[in-house]
Amino acid sequence: MRIAEAARATGTTPRALRWYEEHGLLDPSRTAAGYRDYGEPELRRITTITILQATGFTLGDLAAFTELLDRPVPETLTDRPVTPRCATAIAVTRARLATLDRHLADVAALRDRLAGLLDGAGTV
């Protein structure tokens, strides 16, 4: 699949995909003519990047642990040594999760407030 099709399929832009490639987040294969060729693994990677960005991860965060993006999450990390890169990924992920938890609490409070306002408004 060419870059425009991959961008359309993942809801991003060709420019973003080129940027991901330039910064080591994405490495599509090339056709004999030199065109980027995006397959299922690349589309999954793009989707993962998009979701992580939407949840507060920066592209810099993602660049710090790019090779971890495609690996299945192990049941436990205790059976493996924690490398400096992995430690960075863990710290960044914990910070982003804390931010997400705060946002979720804010959204839940706003939802409850709006529901309360609607309850008092009657029917329109």
Foldseek 3Di string as FASTA:
>chain_A
DFLCVLCVVQVHHSVVVVVCVVLVLADADADPVGTGDDDPVRSQSSNLVVVVVVLPDDVVLCSLPSVCSRDDDDPDCVVDDQDPSNVSNVVSVVVSVVVSVVVVVVVVVVVVVVVVVVVVPPDD
